[in-house]
C-alpha atoms as a PDB file:
ATOM      1  CA  MET A   1      16.347  -2.809   2.664  1.00  0.00           C
ATOM      2  CA  LEU A   2      13.477  -0.858   1.272  1.00  0.00           C
ATOM      3  CA  THR A   3      13.962   2.782   0.208  1.00  0.00           C
ATOM      4  CA  LEU A   4      10.695   4.813   0.258  1.00  0.00           C
ATOM      5  CA  THR A   5       9.884   8.346  -0.686  1.00  0.00           C
ATOM      6  CA  CYS A   6       7.221  10.072   1.409  1.00  0.00           C
ATOM      7  CA  PRO A   7       4.719  11.713  -1.065  1.00  0.00           C
ATOM      8  CA  CYS A   8       3.697  14.217   1.646  1.00  0.00           C
ATOM      9  CA  CYS A   9       7.056  15.782   2.441  1.00  0.00           C
ATOM     10  CA  GLY A  10       9.233  14.390  -0.339  1.00  0.00           C
ATOM     11  CA  VAL A  11      11.936  12.793   1.891  1.00  0.00           C
ATOM     12  CA  THR A  12      13.529   9.653   0.514  1.00  0.00           C
ATOM     13  CA  ALA A  13      14.890   7.368   3.218  1.00  0.00           C
ATOM     14  CA  GLU A  14      15.402   3.783   4.292  1.00  0.00           C
ATOM     15  CA  GLU A  15      12.466   1.770   5.752  1.00  0.00           C
ATOM     16  CA  THR A  16      13.746   2.346   9.316  1.00  0.00           C
ATOM     17  CA  GLU A  17      12.421   5.915   9.154  1.00  0.00           C
ATOM     18  CA  PHE A  18       8.962   4.633   8.325  1.00  0.00           C
ATOM     19  CA  HIS A  19       6.519   2.231   9.888  1.00  0.00           C
ATOM     20  CA  ALA A  20       4.479  -0.351   7.951  1.00  0.00           C
ATOM     21  CA  GLY A  21       0.748  -0.277   8.614  1.00  0.00           C
ATOM     22  CA  GLY A  22      -0.514  -3.304   6.686  1.00  0.00           C
ATOM     23  CA  GLU A  23      -2.536  -3.749   3.531  1.00  0.00           C
ATOM     24  CA  ALA A  24      -3.831  -0.705   1.799  1.00  0.00           C
ATOM     25  CA  HIS A  25      -7.391  -0.065   0.316  1.00  0.00           C
ATOM     26  CA  LEU A  26      -9.376  -2.232   2.796  1.00  0.00           C
ATOM     27  CA  THR A  27     -13.114  -1.977   2.766  1.00  0.00           C
ATOM     28  CA  ARG A  28     -14.276  -0.818   6.207  1.00  0.00           C
ATOM     29  CA  PHE A  29     -17.745  -1.720   7.353  1.00  0.00           C
ATOM     30  CA  GLY A  30     -19.780   0.644   9.587  1.00  0.00           C
ATOM     31  CA  PRO A  31     -22.366   0.273  12.231  1.00  0.00           C
ATOM     32  CA  GLY A  32     -24.996  -2.396  11.441  1.00  0.00           C
ATOM     33  CA  SER A  33     -22.512  -4.648   9.687  1.00  0.00           C
ATOM     34  CA  GLY A  34     -22.565  -8.358  10.318  1.00  0.00           C
ATOM     35  CA  ASP A  35     -20.071 -10.398  12.363  1.00  0.00           C
ATOM     36  CA  GLU A  36     -18.716 -12.039   9.231  1.00  0.00           C
ATOM     37  CA  GLU A  37     -17.955  -8.582   7.559  1.00  0.00           C
ATOM     38  CA  PHE A  38     -16.246  -7.346  10.767  1.00  0.00           C
ATOM     39  CA  GLU A  39     -14.260 -10.495  11.123  1.00  0.00           C
ATOM     40  CA  GLY A  40     -13.173 -10.315   7.468  1.00  0.00           C
ATOM     41  CA  TYR A  41     -12.034  -6.715   8.015  1.00  0.00           C
ATOM     42  CA  LEU A  42     -10.089  -7.546  11.081  1.00  0.00           C
ATOM     43  CA  PHE A  43      -8.393 -10.797  10.181  1.00  0.00           C
ATOM     44  CA  MET A  44      -8.536 -11.617   6.406  1.00  0.00           C
ATOM     45  CA  ARG A  45      -5.666 -10.111   4.538  1.00  0.00           C
ATOM     46  CA  GLU A  46      -3.983 -10.780   1.214  1.00  0.00           C
ATOM     47  CA  ASN A  47      -0.449 -12.083   1.410  1.00  0.00           C
ATOM     48  CA  PRO A  48       0.424 -12.069  -2.269  1.00  0.00           C
ATOM     49  CA  LYS A  49       3.705 -13.215  -3.858  1.00  0.00           C
ATOM     50  CA  GLY A  50       4.468 -10.221  -6.048  1.00  0.00           C
ATOM     51  CA  VAL A  51       2.955  -6.777  -6.223  1.00  0.00           C
ATOM     52  CA  HIS A  52       1.362  -5.574  -2.980  1.00  0.00           C
ATOM     53  CA  PHE A  53      -0.142  -2.230  -1.952  1.00  0.00           C
ATOM     54  CA  GLU A  54       0.600  -1.247   1.649  1.00  0.00           C
ATOM     55  CA  ARG A  55       0.090   1.595   4.090  1.00  0.00           C
ATOM     56  CA  TRP A  56       3.162   3.279   5.602  1.00  0.00           C
ATOM     57  CA  ARG A  57       3.650   6.117   8.068  1.00  0.00           C
ATOM     58  CA  HIS A  58       6.596   8.560   8.013  1.00  0.00           C
ATOM     59  CA  VAL A  59       7.292   8.144  11.775  1.00  0.00           C
ATOM     60  CA  TYR A  60      10.570  10.020  12.013  1.00  0.00           C
ATOM     61  CA  GLY A  61       9.544  12.804   9.615  1.00  0.00           C
ATOM     62  CA  CYS A  62       6.217  14.417   8.790  1.00  0.00           C
ATOM     63  CA  GLY A  63       4.249  11.744  10.628  1.00  0.00           C
ATOM     64  CA  LYS A  64       1.749  11.313   7.750  1.00  0.00           C
ATOM     65  CA  TRP A  65       0.345   8.057   6.340  1.00  0.00           C
ATOM     66  CA  PHE A  66       0.792   7.207   2.688  1.00  0.00           C
ATOM     67  CA  HIS A  67       0.489   4.079   0.416  1.00  0.00           C
ATOM     68  CA  ALA A  68       3.326   2.225  -1.352  1.00  0.00           C
ATOM     69  CA  ALA A  69       3.297  -0.379  -4.081  1.00  0.00           C
ATOM     70  CA  ARG A  70       6.135  -2.890  -3.827  1.00  0.00           C
ATOM     71  CA  CYS A  71       7.104  -6.345  -4.795  1.00  0.00           C
ATOM     72  CA  THR A  72       7.124  -8.853  -1.892  1.00  0.00           C
ATOM     73  CA  MET A  73       9.661 -11.097  -3.714  1.00  0.00           C
ATOM     74  CA  THR A  74      12.263  -8.615  -4.742  1.00  0.00           C
ATOM     75  CA  LEU A  75      11.507  -5.791  -2.402  1.00  0.00           C
ATOM     76  CA  GLU A  76      11.404  -3.313  -5.302  1.00  0.00           C
ATOM     77  CA  VAL A  77       9.297  -0.246  -4.561  1.00  0.00           C
ATOM     78  CA  PHE A  78       7.349   0.867  -7.547  1.00  0.00           C
ATOM     79  CA  GLY A  79       6.094   4.094  -6.066  1.00  0.00           C
ATOM     80  CA  THR A  80       4.245   5.862  -3.236  1.00  0.00           C
ATOM     81  CA  TYR A  81       1.122   8.048  -3.222  1.00  0.00           C
ATOM     82  CA  PRO A  82      -1.020   9.861  -0.600  1.00  0.00           C
ATOM     83  CA  ALA A  83      -3.237   7.776   1.669  1.00  0.00           C
ATOM     84  CA  GLN A  84      -6.243   9.900   0.788  1.00  0.00           C
ATOM     85  CA  THR A  85      -6.607   8.293  -2.607  1.00  0.00           C
ATOM     86  CA  LEU A  86      -9.125   5.462  -3.010  1.00  0.00           C
ATOM     87  CA  ALA A  87      -7.134   3.570  -5.579  1.00  0.00           C
ATOM     88  CA  PRO A  88      -3.528   3.584  -6.895  1.00  0.00           C
ATOM     89  CA  PRO A  89      -2.868   6.245  -9.443  1.00  0.00           C
ATOM     90  CA  PRO A  90      -3.029   5.118 -13.129  1.00  0.00           C
ATOM     91  CA  ASP A  91       0.603   6.173 -13.820  1.00  0.00           C
ATOM     92  CA  LEU A  92       1.781   3.945 -10.977  1.00  0.00           C
ATOM     93  CA  LEU A  93      -0.251   1.072 -12.318  1.00  0.00           C
ATOM     94  CA  ASP A  94       1.342   1.617 -15.766  1.00  0.00           C
ATOM     95  CA  THR A  95       4.784   1.606 -14.216  1.00  0.00           C
ATOM     96  CA  ILE A  96       4.051  -1.758 -12.528  1.00  0.00           C
ATOM     97  CA  ALA A  97       2.618  -3.208 -15.741  1.00  0.00           C
ATOM     98  CA  ALA A  98       5.667  -2.069 -17.649  1.00  0.00           C
ATOM     99  CA  LYS A  99       8.037  -3.711 -15.211  1.00  0.00           C
ATOM    100  CA  ARG A 100       5.934  -6.859 -14.701  1.00  0.00           C
ATOM    101  CA  PRO A 101       4.497  -7.955 -18.087  1.00  0.00           C
ATOM    102  CA  GLY A 102       1.349  -9.972 -17.637  1.00  0.00           C
ATOM    103  CA  TRP A 103       0.641  -8.538 -14.187  1.00  0.00           C
ATOM    104  CA  SER A 104      -2.970  -7.622 -13.455  1.00  0.00           C
ATOM    105  CA  ARG A 105      -4.412  -6.377 -10.218  1.00  0.00           C
ATOM    106  CA  LYS A 106      -7.752  -7.156  -8.660  1.00  0.00           C
ATOM    107  CA  ASP A 107     -10.121  -4.291  -8.030  1.00  0.00           C
ATOM    108  CA  LEU A 108      -9.203  -2.566  -4.749  1.00  0.00           C
ATOM    109  CA  ALA A 109     -12.663  -2.144  -3.407  1.00  0.00           C
END
């Protein structure tokens, strides 16, 4: 079971207190975008084996959205950070790189 810490209110709890919201840092296309861009936004998601960045909501707490970095193989949570950030914080990326030598992330556009 995952144990997450909400960066908004500071509560650490099991995943049953939270709700997963899918992949984090998706590029959203506005009015005037093509059908292919909209289809890609709706249906094309990464499903990596290893480190993954996700959106979570603290449903039974403050109700706010946040992002989490975790490993899909081991369920290890590397850290959480506010949803208002456009990319994972550098200190979190350093933590992941220290625990997973050779790991490199794609740009999260």
